[in-house]
Each structure stands twice: as C-alpha cells, then as structure tokens.
Amino acid sequence: FSAVRVGDWKLIYFHVSGKLELYNLRTDLSETKDLAGAQPKKLRELTTTLTKFLQDTDAQMPTDRRTGKPVPLPEATVN
C-alpha cells in the first residue's frame, strides 16, 4: 500500500485492490471509520497529492501478479 497524510487527513491506497480509504485522524486516530464515500472532495484532493508525489519521486509501482502489469497510480481509481 501507499499512504499520505495532510494535516488531520490520511489516505491509504491499496495497490492490488485499488481501494482507497480516507480517515480523519483528529476524530478517528484508530482509523476505524473510512470516510472515502462521505468526503469525495477530500478523497480527490489527497488522491491527487499522493499521485503527484509518486510521479515526482518516480516511484516504482508493484506488479500485479494476476496481470503482470504495474499497478495503476491511485488517481486512475477515482472517477
């Protein structure tokens, strides 16, 4: 997985499933309430931030064992 934290917010991107989870660490330090569906604007903002970081650092994405292709960047999973 890859993750980014901006202020009180944390985004986790699970590479193989493409799932994104979003947490407000100020109110949910244990990361038990995924807010990805309830906060689409914040989800998109942090997804863009994480994608830009991965691109800027030329991060090598893992290979999906099922397809043999690199896992897509997180931005590709958000409509």
PDB file of N, CA and C in Angstrom:
ATOM      1  N   PHE A   1       0.837  -1.185   0.000  1.00  0.00           N
ATOM      2  CA  PHE A   1       0.000   0.000   0.000  1.00  0.00           C
ATOM      3  C   PHE A   1       0.871   1.234   0.000  1.00  0.00           C
ATOM      4  N   SER A   2       0.271   2.354  -0.353  1.00  0.00           N
ATOM      5  CA  SER A   2       0.892   3.673  -0.263  1.00  0.00           C
ATOM      6  C   SER A   2      -0.044   4.545   0.556  1.00  0.00           C
ATOM      7  N   ALA A   3       0.525   5.515   1.252  1.00  0.00           N
ATOM      8  CA  ALA A   3      -0.298   6.390   2.085  1.00  0.00           C
ATOM      9  C   ALA A   3       0.277   7.799   2.077  1.00  0.00           C
ATOM     10  N   VAL A   4      -0.609   8.752   2.373  1.00  0.00           N
ATOM     11  CA  VAL A   4      -0.196  10.142   2.506  1.00  0.00           C
ATOM     12  C   VAL A   4      -1.015  10.759   3.635  1.00  0.00           C
ATOM     13  N   ARG A   5      -0.366  11.660   4.369  1.00  0.00           N
ATOM     14  CA  ARG A   5      -1.070  12.399   5.416  1.00  0.00           C
ATOM     15  C   ARG A   5      -0.906  13.886   5.135  1.00  0.00           C
ATOM     16  N   VAL A   6      -2.034  14.588   5.195  1.00  0.00           N
ATOM     17  CA  VAL A   6      -2.045  16.039   5.033  1.00  0.00           C
ATOM     18  C   VAL A   6      -2.892  16.584   6.169  1.00  0.00           C
ATOM     19  N   GLY A   7      -2.257  17.262   7.118  1.00  0.00           N
ATOM     20  CA  GLY A   7      -2.983  17.770   8.281  1.00  0.00           C
ATOM     21  C   GLY A   7      -3.602  16.625   9.059  1.00  0.00           C
ATOM     22  N   ASP A   8      -4.904  16.721   9.309  1.00  0.00           N
ATOM     23  CA  ASP A   8      -5.617  15.690  10.069  1.00  0.00           C
ATOM     24  C   ASP A   8      -6.030  14.505   9.208  1.00  0.00           C
ATOM     25  N   TRP A   9      -5.828  14.587   7.904  1.00  0.00           N
ATOM     26  CA  TRP A   9      -6.351  13.582   6.982  1.00  0.00           C
ATOM     27  C   TRP A   9      -5.281  12.598   6.531  1.00  0.00           C
ATOM     28  N   LYS A  10      -5.676  11.336   6.406  1.00  0.00           N
ATOM     29  CA  LYS A  10      -4.780  10.284   5.922  1.00  0.00           C
ATOM     30  C   LYS A  10      -5.499   9.473   4.851  1.00  0.00           C
ATOM     31  N   LEU A  11      -4.812   9.268   3.735  1.00  0.00           N
ATOM     32  CA  LEU A  11      -5.324   8.453   2.638  1.00  0.00           C
ATOM     33  C   LEU A  11      -4.444   7.219   2.502  1.00  0.00           C
ATOM     34  N   ILE A  12      -5.070   6.071   2.372  1.00  0.00           N
ATOM     35  CA  ILE A  12      -4.355   4.822   2.133  1.00  0.00           C
ATOM     36  C   ILE A  12      -4.828   4.264   0.797  1.00  0.00           C
ATOM     37  N   TYR A  13      -3.870   3.910  -0.055  1.00  0.00           N
ATOM     38  CA  TYR A  13      -4.168   3.319  -1.357  1.00  0.00           C
ATOM     39  C   TYR A  13      -3.655   1.885  -1.347  1.00  0.00           C
ATOM     40  N   PHE A  14      -4.568   0.936  -1.485  1.00  0.00           N
ATOM     41  CA  PHE A  14      -4.203  -0.475  -1.534  1.00  0.00           C
ATOM     42  C   PHE A  14      -3.964  -0.843  -2.995  1.00  0.00           C
ATOM     43  N   HIS A  15      -2.729  -1.164  -3.320  1.00  0.00           N
ATOM     44  CA  HIS A  15      -2.302  -1.339  -4.709  1.00  0.00           C
ATOM     45  C   HIS A  15      -3.106  -2.366  -5.492  1.00  0.00           C
ATOM     46  N   VAL A  16      -3.190  -3.577  -5.006  1.00  0.00           N
ATOM     47  CA  VAL A  16      -3.793  -4.651  -5.800  1.00  0.00           C
ATOM     48  C   VAL A  16      -5.294  -4.462  -5.972  1.00  0.00           C
ATOM     49  N   SER A  17      -5.990  -4.120  -4.889  1.00  0.00           N
ATOM     50  CA  SER A  17      -7.451  -3.971  -4.979  1.00  0.00           C
ATOM     51  C   SER A  17      -7.859  -2.628  -5.576  1.00  0.00           C
ATOM     52  N   GLY A  18      -6.964  -1.638  -5.518  1.00  0.00           N
ATOM     53  CA  GLY A  18      -7.300  -0.300  -5.985  1.00  0.00           C
ATOM     54  C   GLY A  18      -8.150   0.477  -5.000  1.00  0.00           C
ATOM     55  N   LYS A  19      -8.376  -0.091  -3.822  1.00  0.00           N
ATOM     56  CA  LYS A  19      -9.228   0.552  -2.818  1.00  0.00           C
ATOM     57  C   LYS A  19      -8.519   1.748  -2.189  1.00  0.00           C
ATOM     58  N   LEU A  20      -9.296   2.790  -1.962  1.00  0.00           N
ATOM     59  CA  LEU A  20      -8.821   3.983  -1.267  1.00  0.00           C
ATOM     60  C   LEU A  20      -9.586   4.107   0.042  1.00  0.00           C
ATOM     61  N   GLU A  21      -8.869   4.362   1.127  1.00  0.00           N
ATOM     62  CA  GLU A  21      -9.501   4.600   2.424  1.00  0.00           C
ATOM     63  C   GLU A  21      -9.046   5.959   2.926  1.00  0.00           C
ATOM     64  N   LEU A  22      -9.980   6.705   3.499  1.00  0.00           N
ATOM     65  CA  LEU A  22      -9.722   8.063   3.965  1.00  0.00           C
ATOM     66  C   LEU A  22     -10.126   8.173   5.425  1.00  0.00           C
ATOM     67  N   TYR A  23      -9.235   8.723   6.236  1.00  0.00           N
ATOM     68  CA  TYR A  23      -9.501   8.851   7.668  1.00  0.00           C
ATOM     69  C   TYR A  23      -9.192  10.264   8.146  1.00  0.00           C
ATOM     70  N   ASN A  24      -9.998  10.741   9.088  1.00  0.00           N
ATOM     71  CA  ASN A  24      -9.726  11.991   9.783  1.00  0.00           C
ATOM     72  C   ASN A  24      -9.091  11.596  11.109  1.00  0.00           C
ATOM     73  N   LEU A  25      -7.787  11.783  11.224  1.00  0.00           N
ATOM     74  CA  LEU A  25      -7.065  11.318  12.403  1.00  0.00           C
ATOM     75  C   LEU A  25      -7.369  12.138  13.652  1.00  0.00           C
ATOM     76  N   ARG A  26      -7.896  13.333  13.482  1.00  0.00           N
ATOM     77  CA  ARG A  26      -8.261  14.128  14.653  1.00  0.00           C
ATOM     78  C   ARG A  26      -9.433  13.481  15.394  1.00  0.00           C
ATOM     79  N   THR A  27     -10.374  12.929  14.644  1.00  0.00           N
ATOM     80  CA  THR A  27     -11.565  12.340  15.261  1.00  0.00           C
ATOM     81  C   THR A  27     -11.539  10.815  15.280  1.00  0.00           C
ATOM     82  N   ASP A  28     -10.586  10.208  14.578  1.00  0.00           N
ATOM     83  CA  ASP A  28     -10.549   8.745  14.445  1.00  0.00           C
ATOM     84  C   ASP A  28      -9.101   8.273  14.346  1.00  0.00           C
ATOM     85  N   LEU A  29      -8.371   8.415  15.439  1.00  0.00           N
ATOM     86  CA  LEU A  29      -6.953   8.060  15.454  1.00  0.00           C
ATOM     87  C   LEU A  29      -6.720   6.579  15.177  1.00  0.00           C
ATOM     88  N   SER A  30      -7.683   5.737  15.509  1.00  0.00           N
ATOM     89  CA  SER A  30      -7.546   4.291  15.302  1.00  0.00           C
ATOM     90  C   SER A  30      -7.886   3.857  13.875  1.00  0.00           C
ATOM     91  N   GLU A  31      -8.288   4.790  13.034  1.00  0.00           N
ATOM     92  CA  GLU A  31      -8.616   4.517  11.633  1.00  0.00           C
ATOM     93  C   GLU A  31      -9.674   3.418  11.507  1.00  0.00           C
ATOM     94  N   THR A  32     -10.809   3.639  12.158  1.00  0.00           N
ATOM     95  CA  THR A  32     -11.896   2.657  12.123  1.00  0.00           C
ATOM     96  C   THR A  32     -13.062   3.088  11.235  1.00  0.00           C
ATOM     97  N   LYS A  33     -13.151   4.383  10.914  1.00  0.00           N
ATOM     98  CA  LYS A  33     -14.270   4.869  10.100  1.00  0.00           C
ATOM     99  C   LYS A  33     -13.743   5.437   8.781  1.00  0.00           C
ATOM    100  N   ASP A  34     -13.879   4.652   7.727  1.00  0.00           N
ATOM    101  CA  ASP A  34     -13.437   5.053   6.394  1.00  0.00           C
ATOM    102  C   ASP A  34     -14.396   6.118   5.850  1.00  0.00           C
ATOM    103  N   LEU A  35     -13.874   7.300   5.558  1.00  0.00           N
ATOM    104  CA  LEU A  35     -14.695   8.421   5.088  1.00  0.00           C
ATOM    105  C   LEU A  35     -14.604   8.647   3.581  1.00  0.00           C
ATOM    106  N   ALA A  36     -14.048   7.689   2.853  1.00  0.00           N
ATOM    107  CA  ALA A  36     -13.862   7.867   1.406  1.00  0.00           C
ATOM    108  C   ALA A  36     -15.179   8.170   0.699  1.00  0.00           C
ATOM    109  N   GLY A  37     -16.246   7.490   1.058  1.00  0.00           N
ATOM    110  CA  GLY A  37     -17.537   7.721   0.415  1.00  0.00           C
ATOM    111  C   GLY A  37     -18.218   8.998   0.863  1.00  0.00           C
ATOM    112  N   ALA A  38     -17.957   9.404   2.098  1.00  0.00           N
ATOM    113  CA  ALA A  38     -18.624  10.578   2.668  1.00  0.00           C
ATOM    114  C   ALA A  38     -17.907  11.890   2.359  1.00  0.00           C
ATOM    115  N   GLN A  39     -16.644  11.821   1.954  1.00  0.00           N
ATOM    116  CA  GLN A  39     -15.841  13.023   1.716  1.00  0.00           C
ATOM    117  C   GLN A  39     -15.191  12.978   0.326  1.00  0.00           C
ATOM    118  N   PRO A  40     -15.989  12.994  -0.751  1.00  0.00           N
ATOM    119  CA  PRO A  40     -15.411  12.841  -2.093  1.00  0.00           C
ATOM    120  C   PRO A  40     -14.421  13.946  -2.481  1.00  0.00           C
ATOM    121  N   LYS A  41     -14.664  15.161  -2.025  1.00  0.00           N
ATOM    122  CA  LYS A  41     -13.742  16.258  -2.355  1.00  0.00           C
ATOM    123  C   LYS A  41     -12.383  16.042  -1.684  1.00  0.00           C
ATOM    124  N   LYS A  42     -12.395  15.677  -0.418  1.00  0.00           N
ATOM    125  CA  LYS A  42     -11.150  15.426   0.309  1.00  0.00           C
ATOM    126  C   LYS A  42     -10.447  14.193  -0.259  1.00  0.00           C
ATOM    127  N   LEU A  43     -11.231  13.182  -0.636  1.00  0.00           N
ATOM    128  CA  LEU A  43     -10.666  11.974  -1.239  1.00  0.00           C
ATOM    129  C   LEU A  43      -9.919  12.327  -2.525  1.00  0.00           C
ATOM    130  N   ARG A  44     -10.545  13.113  -3.375  1.00  0.00           N
ATOM    131  CA  ARG A  44      -9.911  13.503  -4.638  1.00  0.00           C
ATOM    132  C   ARG A  44      -8.656  14.346  -4.380  1.00  0.00           C
ATOM    133  N   GLU A  45      -8.732  15.253  -3.424  1.00  0.00           N
ATOM    134  CA  GLU A  45      -7.596  16.125  -3.095  1.00  0.00           C
ATOM    135  C   GLU A  45      -6.385  15.300  -2.658  1.00  0.00           C
ATOM    136  N   LEU A  46      -6.584  14.381  -1.722  1.00  0.00           N
ATOM    137  CA  LEU A  46      -5.464  13.581  -1.237  1.00  0.00           C
ATOM    138  C   LEU A  46      -4.996  12.555  -2.263  1.00  0.00           C
ATOM    139  N   THR A  47      -5.907  12.061  -3.079  1.00  0.00           N
ATOM    140  CA  THR A  47      -5.513  11.141  -4.148  1.00  0.00           C
ATOM    141  C   THR A  47      -4.610  11.857  -5.148  1.00  0.00           C
ATOM    142  N   THR A  48      -4.947  13.086  -5.481  1.00  0.00           N
ATOM    143  CA  THR A  48      -4.108  13.884  -6.377  1.00  0.00           C
ATOM    144  C   THR A  48      -2.748  14.139  -5.748  1.00  0.00           C
ATOM    145  N   THR A  49      -2.725  14.455  -4.453  1.00  0.00           N
ATOM    146  CA  THR A  49      -1.469  14.694  -3.742  1.00  0.00           C
ATOM    147  C   THR A  49      -0.588  13.450  -3.762  1.00  0.00           C
ATOM    148  N   LEU A  50      -1.168  12.295  -3.457  1.00  0.00           N
ATOM    149  CA  LEU A  50      -0.399  11.050  -3.440  1.00  0.00           C
ATOM    150  C   LEU A  50       0.102  10.702  -4.838  1.00  0.00           C
ATOM    151  N   THR A  51      -0.750  10.837  -5.836  1.00  0.00           N
ATOM    152  CA  THR A  51      -0.349  10.528  -7.208  1.00  0.00           C
ATOM    153  C   THR A  51       0.802  11.421  -7.648  1.00  0.00           C
ATOM    154  N   LYS A  52       0.706  12.714  -7.361  1.00  0.00           N
ATOM    155  CA  LYS A  52       1.768  13.656  -7.728  1.00  0.00           C
ATOM    156  C   LYS A  52       3.075  13.282  -7.042  1.00  0.00           C
ATOM    157  N   PHE A  53       3.016  12.924  -5.768  1.00  0.00           N
ATOM    158  CA  PHE A  53       4.227  12.522  -5.052  1.00  0.00           C
ATOM    159  C   PHE A  53       4.854  11.285  -5.699  1.00  0.00           C
ATOM    160  N   LEU A  54       4.035  10.288  -6.000  1.00  0.00           N
ATOM    161  CA  LEU A  54       4.554   9.060  -6.613  1.00  0.00           C
ATOM    162  C   LEU A  54       5.173   9.345  -7.980  1.00  0.00           C
ATOM    163  N   GLN A  55       4.566  10.246  -8.742  1.00  0.00           N
ATOM    164  CA  GLN A  55       5.119  10.615 -10.048  1.00  0.00           C
ATOM    165  C   GLN A  55       6.403  11.422  -9.896  1.00  0.00           C
ATOM    166  N   ASP A  56       6.397  12.402  -8.995  1.00  0.00           N
ATOM    167  CA  ASP A  56       7.562  13.273  -8.809  1.00  0.00           C
ATOM    168  C   ASP A  56       8.784  12.515  -8.307  1.00  0.00           C
ATOM    169  N   THR A  57       8.559  11.470  -7.528  1.00  0.00           N
ATOM    170  CA  THR A  57       9.676  10.686  -6.986  1.00  0.00           C
ATOM    171  C   THR A  57       9.996   9.480  -7.859  1.00  0.00           C
ATOM    172  N   ASP A  58       9.291   9.362  -8.985  1.00  0.00           N
ATOM    173  CA  ASP A  58       9.478   8.243  -9.909  1.00  0.00           C
ATOM    174  C   ASP A  58       9.375   6.906  -9.173  1.00  0.00           C
ATOM    175  N   ALA A  59       8.376   6.833  -8.305  1.00  0.00           N
ATOM    176  CA  ALA A  59       8.171   5.615  -7.515  1.00  0.00           C
ATOM    177  C   ALA A  59       7.799   4.451  -8.426  1.00  0.00           C
ATOM    178  N   GLN A  60       8.415   3.326  -8.179  1.00  0.00           N
ATOM    179  CA  GLN A  60       8.098   2.131  -8.952  1.00  0.00           C
ATOM    180  C   GLN A  60       6.893   1.458  -8.311  1.00  0.00           C
ATOM    181  N   MET A  61       5.818   1.346  -9.066  1.00  0.00           N
ATOM    182  CA  MET A  61       4.621   0.689  -8.556  1.00  0.00           C
ATOM    183  C   MET A  61       4.822  -0.820  -8.634  1.00  0.00           C
ATOM    184  N   PRO A  62       4.258  -1.552  -7.683  1.00  0.00           N
ATOM    185  CA  PRO A  62       4.416  -3.007  -7.715  1.00  0.00           C
ATOM    186  C   PRO A  62       3.704  -3.620  -8.923  1.00  0.00           C
ATOM    187  N   THR A  63       4.091  -4.832  -9.239  1.00  0.00           N
ATOM    188  CA  THR A  63       3.469  -5.558 -10.344  1.00  0.00           C
ATOM    189  C   THR A  63       2.309  -6.387  -9.818  1.00  0.00           C
ATOM    190  N   ASP A  64       1.188  -6.293 -10.502  1.00  0.00           N
ATOM    191  CA  ASP A  64       0.025  -7.112 -10.162  1.00  0.00           C
ATOM    192  C   ASP A  64       0.314  -8.536 -10.633  1.00  0.00           C
ATOM    193  N   ARG A  65       0.344  -9.470  -9.727  1.00  0.00           N
ATOM    194  CA  ARG A  65       0.676 -10.857 -10.073  1.00  0.00           C
ATOM    195  C   ARG A  65      -0.330 -11.474 -11.037  1.00  0.00           C
ATOM    196  N   ARG A  66      -1.557 -11.007 -10.974  1.00  0.00           N
ATOM    197  CA  ARG A  66      -2.597 -11.573 -11.847  1.00  0.00           C
ATOM    198  C   ARG A  66      -2.417 -11.170 -13.302  1.00  0.00           C
ATOM    199  N   THR A  67      -1.970  -9.930 -13.518  1.00  0.00           N
ATOM    200  CA  THR A  67      -1.878  -9.414 -14.885  1.00  0.00           C
ATOM    201  C   THR A  67      -0.445  -9.269 -15.381  1.00  0.00           C
ATOM    202  N   GLY A  68       0.512  -9.209 -14.458  1.00  0.00           N
ATOM    203  CA  GLY A  68       1.901  -8.988 -14.840  1.00  0.00           C
ATOM    204  C   GLY A  68       2.201  -7.541 -15.182  1.00  0.00           C
ATOM    205  N   LYS A  69       1.229  -6.658 -14.975  1.00  0.00           N
ATOM    206  CA  LYS A  69       1.394  -5.237 -15.287  1.00  0.00           C
ATOM    207  C   LYS A  69       1.547  -4.433 -14.000  1.00  0.00           C
ATOM    208  N   PRO A  70       2.200  -3.263 -14.092  1.00  0.00           N
ATOM    209  CA  PRO A  70       2.302  -2.415 -12.907  1.00  0.00           C
ATOM    210  C   PRO A  70       0.914  -1.991 -12.414  1.00  0.00           C
ATOM    211  N   VAL A  71       0.792  -1.886 -11.115  1.00  0.00           N
ATOM    212  CA  VAL A  71      -0.442  -1.404 -10.504  1.00  0.00           C
ATOM    213  C   VAL A  71      -0.625   0.055 -10.919  1.00  0.00           C
ATOM    214  N   PRO A  72      -1.847   0.480 -11.262  1.00  0.00           N
ATOM    215  CA  PRO A  72      -2.049   1.874 -11.672  1.00  0.00           C
ATOM    216  C   PRO A  72      -1.842   2.845 -10.511  1.00  0.00           C
ATOM    217  N   LEU A  73      -1.527   4.063 -10.854  1.00  0.00           N
ATOM    218  CA  LEU A  73      -1.428   5.112  -9.842  1.00  0.00           C
ATOM    219  C   LEU A  73      -2.803   5.336  -9.228  1.00  0.00           C
ATOM    220  N   PRO A  74      -2.851   5.816  -7.985  1.00  0.00           N
ATOM    221  CA  PRO A  74      -4.143   5.960  -7.308  1.00  0.00           C
ATOM    222  C   PRO A  74      -5.127   6.866  -8.031  1.00  0.00           C
ATOM    223  N   GLU A  75      -4.642   7.875  -8.727  1.00  0.00           N
ATOM    224  CA  GLU A  75      -5.541   8.809  -9.405  1.00  0.00           C
ATOM    225  C   GLU A  75      -6.406   8.098 -10.445  1.00  0.00           C
ATOM    226  N   ALA A  76      -5.901   7.006 -10.997  1.00  0.00           N
ATOM    227  CA  ALA A  76      -6.646   6.257 -12.008  1.00  0.00           C
ATOM    228  C   ALA A  76      -7.854   5.533 -11.417  1.00  0.00           C
ATOM    229  N   THR A  77      -7.907   5.408 -10.094  1.00  0.00           N
ATOM    230  CA  THR A  77      -9.011   4.690  -9.451  1.00  0.00           C
ATOM    231  C   THR A  77     -10.161   5.600  -9.057  1.00  0.00           C
ATOM    232  N   VAL A  78      -9.964   6.914  -9.141  1.00  0.00           N
ATOM    233  CA  VAL A  78     -11.004   7.878  -8.759  1.00  0.00           C
ATOM    234  C   VAL A  78     -11.674   8.391 -10.021  1.00  0.00           C
ATOM    235  N   ASN A  79     -12.993   8.330 -10.049  1.00  0.00           N
ATOM    236  CA  ASN A  79     -13.734   8.803 -11.235  1.00  0.00           C
ATOM    237  C   ASN A  79     -13.820  10.301 -11.260  1.00  0.00           C
TER     238      ASN A  79
END
